[in-house]
């Protein structure tokens, strides 16, 4: 199934009612994408494990299982891909959609 899968909703007051805004990524997702971008993990052979990603962010990503679930969701949404296996651990790298998302948020 291709296309956008919106997973985050936020309701906020506007005038006399509420407006619902829908987002595909949250802050933690963007931190993961930014970590991959800054480390230049952009192809199958240049990828990073969950443990390495957690070390680079000094615990800001939360528990290992939380990071794993976020990564699975980002793989399914085609922001990142799985790289080569590193000693029984999956590795992850940015796909074109993830690169464009991060570059769109960076100032030039």
N, C-alpha and C. Protein backbone atom coordinates (compact mmCIF):
# COMPACT_ATOMS: atom_id res chain seq x y z
N UNK A 1 0.84 -1.18 0.00
CA UNK A 1 0.00 0.00 0.00
C UNK A 1 0.88 1.24 0.00
N UNK A 2 0.85 2.01 -1.07
CA UNK A 2 1.63 3.24 -1.19
C UNK A 2 0.78 4.42 -0.76
N UNK A 3 1.45 5.50 -0.41
CA UNK A 3 0.73 6.70 -0.04
C UNK A 3 1.07 7.14 1.37
N UNK A 4 0.50 8.22 1.77
CA UNK A 4 0.77 8.79 3.07
C UNK A 4 -0.10 8.12 4.13
N UNK A 5 0.51 7.75 5.22
CA UNK A 5 -0.21 7.18 6.35
C UNK A 5 -0.07 8.17 7.50
N UNK A 6 -1.15 8.87 7.82
CA UNK A 6 -1.11 9.84 8.90
C UNK A 6 -1.37 9.14 10.22
N UNK A 7 -0.49 9.37 11.18
CA UNK A 7 -0.61 8.64 12.44
C UNK A 7 -0.75 9.53 13.66
N UNK A 8 -0.48 10.81 13.55
CA UNK A 8 -0.55 11.68 14.71
C UNK A 8 -1.61 12.75 14.48
N UNK A 9 -2.51 12.90 15.44
CA UNK A 9 -3.55 13.92 15.35
C UNK A 9 -3.46 14.83 16.57
N UNK A 10 -3.72 16.09 16.35
CA UNK A 10 -3.72 17.05 17.43
C UNK A 10 -4.93 17.95 17.27
N UNK A 11 -5.70 18.11 18.33
CA UNK A 11 -6.84 19.01 18.31
C UNK A 11 -6.49 20.27 19.07
N UNK A 12 -6.82 21.41 18.48
CA UNK A 12 -6.57 22.67 19.18
C UNK A 12 -7.74 23.61 18.94
N UNK A 13 -7.92 24.51 19.88
CA UNK A 13 -9.04 25.45 19.80
C UNK A 13 -8.79 26.48 18.71
N UNK A 14 -9.85 26.78 17.98
CA UNK A 14 -9.79 27.86 17.01
C UNK A 14 -11.17 28.50 16.99
N UNK A 15 -11.26 29.73 17.47
CA UNK A 15 -12.55 30.39 17.55
C UNK A 15 -13.46 29.68 18.53
N UNK A 16 -14.66 29.35 18.10
CA UNK A 16 -15.63 28.67 18.96
C UNK A 16 -15.55 27.15 18.87
N UNK A 17 -14.68 26.62 18.02
CA UNK A 17 -14.61 25.16 17.85
C UNK A 17 -13.19 24.66 17.96
N UNK A 18 -13.00 23.47 17.43
CA UNK A 18 -11.69 22.84 17.44
C UNK A 18 -11.28 22.52 16.01
N UNK A 19 -9.98 22.59 15.77
CA UNK A 19 -9.41 22.23 14.48
C UNK A 19 -8.53 21.01 14.70
N UNK A 20 -8.65 20.00 13.86
CA UNK A 20 -7.82 18.81 13.96
C UNK A 20 -6.71 18.92 12.93
N UNK A 21 -5.46 18.82 13.40
CA UNK A 21 -4.32 18.81 12.51
C UNK A 21 -3.72 17.41 12.53
N UNK A 22 -3.31 16.93 11.38
CA UNK A 22 -2.77 15.58 11.27
C UNK A 22 -1.33 15.66 10.79
N UNK A 23 -0.46 14.92 11.45
CA UNK A 23 0.96 14.92 11.11
C UNK A 23 1.41 13.49 10.87
N UNK A 24 2.35 13.33 9.95
CA UNK A 24 2.90 12.00 9.70
C UNK A 24 4.07 11.71 10.64
N UNK A 25 4.82 12.74 11.02
CA UNK A 25 5.98 12.55 11.88
C UNK A 25 5.82 13.33 13.18
N UNK A 26 6.41 12.81 14.24
CA UNK A 26 6.47 13.60 15.47
C UNK A 26 7.93 13.97 15.72
N UNK A 27 8.19 14.61 16.84
CA UNK A 27 9.53 15.11 17.14
C UNK A 27 10.55 13.98 17.22
N UNK A 28 10.21 12.88 17.85
CA UNK A 28 11.14 11.76 17.98
C UNK A 28 11.49 11.17 16.62
N UNK A 29 10.49 11.06 15.75
CA UNK A 29 10.75 10.58 14.38
C UNK A 29 11.76 11.47 13.67
N UNK A 30 11.57 12.78 13.83
CA UNK A 30 12.47 13.72 13.17
C UNK A 30 13.88 13.64 13.75
N UNK A 31 14.01 13.43 15.06
CA UNK A 31 15.35 13.28 15.67
C UNK A 31 16.05 12.07 15.08
N UNK A 32 15.31 10.98 14.88
CA UNK A 32 15.89 9.78 14.27
C UNK A 32 16.36 10.07 12.86
N UNK A 33 15.51 10.72 12.06
CA UNK A 33 15.89 11.07 10.68
C UNK A 33 17.11 11.99 10.67
N UNK A 34 17.13 12.97 11.57
CA UNK A 34 18.23 13.92 11.64
C UNK A 34 19.54 13.23 12.04
N UNK A 35 19.46 12.25 12.93
CA UNK A 35 20.64 11.48 13.34
C UNK A 35 21.23 10.73 12.14
N UNK A 36 20.36 10.12 11.36
CA UNK A 36 20.82 9.40 10.17
C UNK A 36 21.43 10.36 9.15
N UNK A 37 20.82 11.52 8.99
CA UNK A 37 21.29 12.51 8.03
C UNK A 37 22.66 13.06 8.45
N UNK A 38 22.78 13.46 9.71
CA UNK A 38 24.03 14.03 10.20
C UNK A 38 25.18 13.03 10.16
N UNK A 39 24.88 11.76 10.35
CA UNK A 39 25.91 10.72 10.29
C UNK A 39 26.20 10.24 8.89
N UNK A 40 25.51 10.80 7.91
CA UNK A 40 25.66 10.45 6.49
C UNK A 40 25.34 8.96 6.25
N UNK A 41 24.32 8.45 6.95
CA UNK A 41 23.88 7.07 6.76
C UNK A 41 22.81 7.09 5.67
N UNK A 42 23.28 7.00 4.41
CA UNK A 42 22.37 7.21 3.29
C UNK A 42 22.39 6.09 2.26
N UNK A 43 22.99 4.95 2.60
CA UNK A 43 22.92 3.83 1.67
C UNK A 43 23.01 2.51 2.44
N UNK A 44 22.77 1.43 1.74
CA UNK A 44 22.67 0.09 2.29
C UNK A 44 23.90 -0.30 3.13
N UNK A 45 25.09 0.13 2.69
CA UNK A 45 26.33 -0.26 3.36
C UNK A 45 26.76 0.72 4.45
N UNK A 46 26.25 1.93 4.40
CA UNK A 46 26.55 2.93 5.43
C UNK A 46 25.28 3.15 6.24
N UNK A 47 25.12 2.33 7.26
CA UNK A 47 23.90 2.33 8.06
C UNK A 47 24.29 2.21 9.54
N UNK A 48 23.33 2.40 10.43
CA UNK A 48 23.59 2.46 11.86
C UNK A 48 22.64 1.52 12.61
N UNK A 49 23.14 0.93 13.70
CA UNK A 49 22.30 0.06 14.52
C UNK A 49 21.51 0.90 15.54
N UNK A 50 20.55 0.27 16.18
CA UNK A 50 19.77 0.95 17.21
C UNK A 50 20.68 1.37 18.37
N UNK A 51 21.57 0.49 18.79
CA UNK A 51 22.46 0.80 19.91
C UNK A 51 23.34 2.01 19.59
N UNK A 52 23.88 2.07 18.38
CA UNK A 52 24.72 3.21 17.98
C UNK A 52 23.90 4.50 17.94
N UNK A 53 22.67 4.39 17.45
CA UNK A 53 21.80 5.55 17.37
C UNK A 53 21.47 6.08 18.77
N UNK A 54 21.21 5.17 19.70
CA UNK A 54 20.90 5.57 21.07
C UNK A 54 22.12 6.22 21.73
N UNK A 55 23.31 5.70 21.46
CA UNK A 55 24.54 6.29 22.00
C UNK A 55 24.77 7.70 21.47
N UNK A 56 24.51 7.91 20.18
CA UNK A 56 24.70 9.23 19.58
C UNK A 56 23.76 10.28 20.15
N UNK A 57 22.61 9.84 20.66
CA UNK A 57 21.62 10.78 21.18
C UNK A 57 21.57 10.82 22.71
N UNK A 58 22.52 10.19 23.37
CA UNK A 58 22.64 10.23 24.83
C UNK A 58 21.33 9.97 25.57
N UNK A 59 20.58 8.97 25.15
CA UNK A 59 19.36 8.59 25.84
C UNK A 59 18.13 9.43 25.52
N UNK A 60 18.25 10.40 24.63
CA UNK A 60 17.12 11.28 24.30
C UNK A 60 16.01 10.56 23.53
N UNK A 61 16.32 9.40 22.98
CA UNK A 61 15.33 8.66 22.19
C UNK A 61 14.43 7.77 23.04
N UNK A 62 14.80 7.54 24.28
CA UNK A 62 14.00 6.69 25.15
C UNK A 62 14.53 5.27 25.18
N UNK A 63 13.64 4.34 25.46
CA UNK A 63 14.00 2.92 25.59
C UNK A 63 14.24 2.30 24.22
N UNK A 64 14.99 1.21 24.22
CA UNK A 64 15.33 0.51 22.97
C UNK A 64 14.08 0.06 22.21
N UNK A 65 13.08 -0.47 22.91
CA UNK A 65 11.87 -0.94 22.24
C UNK A 65 11.11 0.23 21.60
N UNK A 66 11.11 1.38 22.23
CA UNK A 66 10.47 2.57 21.64
C UNK A 66 11.15 2.94 20.34
N UNK A 67 12.48 2.95 20.35
CA UNK A 67 13.24 3.28 19.13
C UNK A 67 12.97 2.23 18.06
N UNK A 68 12.94 0.97 18.44
CA UNK A 68 12.67 -0.10 17.48
C UNK A 68 11.31 0.10 16.80
N UNK A 69 10.29 0.38 17.60
CA UNK A 69 8.94 0.58 17.03
C UNK A 69 8.91 1.80 16.11
N UNK A 70 9.59 2.88 16.50
CA UNK A 70 9.65 4.07 15.65
C UNK A 70 10.34 3.74 14.33
N UNK A 71 11.42 3.00 14.40
CA UNK A 71 12.15 2.64 13.19
C UNK A 71 11.30 1.78 12.26
N UNK A 72 10.56 0.84 12.83
CA UNK A 72 9.69 -0.02 12.01
C UNK A 72 8.63 0.82 11.30
N UNK A 73 8.07 1.80 12.00
CA UNK A 73 7.07 2.68 11.41
C UNK A 73 7.68 3.53 10.30
N UNK A 74 8.91 4.02 10.50
CA UNK A 74 9.59 4.83 9.49
C UNK A 74 9.98 3.99 8.28
N UNK A 75 10.32 2.71 8.49
CA UNK A 75 10.62 1.81 7.36
C UNK A 75 9.34 1.59 6.55
N UNK A 76 8.24 1.33 7.23
CA UNK A 76 6.96 1.10 6.54
C UNK A 76 6.51 2.33 5.75
N UNK A 77 6.77 3.52 6.30
CA UNK A 77 6.39 4.76 5.62
C UNK A 77 7.42 5.19 4.57
N UNK A 78 8.49 4.40 4.41
CA UNK A 78 9.53 4.59 3.40
C UNK A 78 10.38 5.85 3.60
N UNK A 79 10.59 6.23 4.85
CA UNK A 79 11.54 7.29 5.16
C UNK A 79 12.94 6.72 5.31
N UNK A 80 13.04 5.50 5.83
CA UNK A 80 14.32 4.84 6.02
C UNK A 80 14.24 3.41 5.50
N UNK A 81 15.41 2.80 5.31
CA UNK A 81 15.47 1.43 4.86
C UNK A 81 16.38 0.62 5.77
N UNK A 82 16.29 -0.69 5.67
CA UNK A 82 17.17 -1.56 6.44
C UNK A 82 18.43 -1.82 5.63
N UNK A 83 19.57 -1.67 6.31
CA UNK A 83 20.86 -1.92 5.68
C UNK A 83 21.34 -3.33 5.95
N UNK A 84 22.64 -3.51 5.83
CA UNK A 84 23.23 -4.84 6.05
C UNK A 84 23.21 -5.16 7.55
N UNK A 85 23.23 -6.44 7.86
CA UNK A 85 23.24 -6.90 9.25
C UNK A 85 24.62 -6.65 9.85
N UNK A 86 24.65 -6.15 11.07
CA UNK A 86 25.89 -5.91 11.79
C UNK A 86 25.89 -6.76 13.06
N UNK A 87 26.56 -7.93 13.00
CA UNK A 87 26.65 -8.82 14.15
C UNK A 87 25.26 -9.12 14.74
N UNK A 88 24.36 -9.59 13.94
CA UNK A 88 22.99 -9.99 14.31
C UNK A 88 22.05 -8.80 14.56
N UNK A 89 22.49 -7.58 14.33
CA UNK A 89 21.64 -6.40 14.54
C UNK A 89 21.27 -5.79 13.20
N UNK A 90 20.02 -5.37 13.09
CA UNK A 90 19.59 -4.65 11.89
C UNK A 90 20.27 -3.27 11.89
N UNK A 91 20.51 -2.76 10.69
CA UNK A 91 21.01 -1.39 10.55
C UNK A 91 20.01 -0.61 9.70
N UNK A 92 20.07 0.70 9.82
CA UNK A 92 19.09 1.56 9.15
C UNK A 92 19.79 2.73 8.47
N UNK A 93 19.21 3.17 7.35
CA UNK A 93 19.75 4.31 6.61
C UNK A 93 18.60 5.10 6.00
N UNK A 94 18.88 6.33 5.60
CA UNK A 94 17.85 7.21 5.03
C UNK A 94 17.55 6.87 3.58
N UNK A 95 16.29 6.91 3.24
CA UNK A 95 15.86 6.83 1.84
C UNK A 95 15.61 8.25 1.33
N UNK A 96 15.34 8.38 0.06
CA UNK A 96 15.15 9.70 -0.56
C UNK A 96 14.07 10.53 0.15
N UNK A 97 12.98 9.90 0.53
CA UNK A 97 11.89 10.62 1.22
C UNK A 97 12.37 11.18 2.55
N UNK A 98 13.19 10.43 3.28
CA UNK A 98 13.74 10.89 4.55
C UNK A 98 14.73 12.02 4.36
N UNK A 99 15.57 11.92 3.33
CA UNK A 99 16.55 12.97 3.03
C UNK A 99 15.83 14.28 2.72
N UNK A 100 14.81 14.21 1.87
CA UNK A 100 14.06 15.42 1.51
C UNK A 100 13.36 16.02 2.73
N UNK A 101 12.86 15.18 3.62
CA UNK A 101 12.19 15.67 4.83
C UNK A 101 13.16 16.43 5.71
N UNK A 102 14.35 15.88 5.93
CA UNK A 102 15.34 16.54 6.79
C UNK A 102 15.86 17.80 6.12
N UNK A 103 16.16 17.74 4.83
CA UNK A 103 16.69 18.92 4.13
C UNK A 103 15.65 20.03 4.08
N UNK A 104 14.38 19.67 4.06
CA UNK A 104 13.32 20.68 4.07
C UNK A 104 13.24 21.41 5.39
N UNK A 105 13.74 20.80 6.45
CA UNK A 105 13.69 21.41 7.78
C UNK A 105 14.97 22.12 8.17
N UNK A 106 16.02 22.00 7.35
CA UNK A 106 17.30 22.62 7.65
C UNK A 106 17.42 23.96 6.95
N UNK A 107 18.03 24.91 7.63
CA UNK A 107 18.29 26.21 7.00
C UNK A 107 19.54 26.11 6.16
N UNK A 108 19.52 26.75 5.01
CA UNK A 108 20.64 26.68 4.08
C UNK A 108 21.61 27.81 4.33
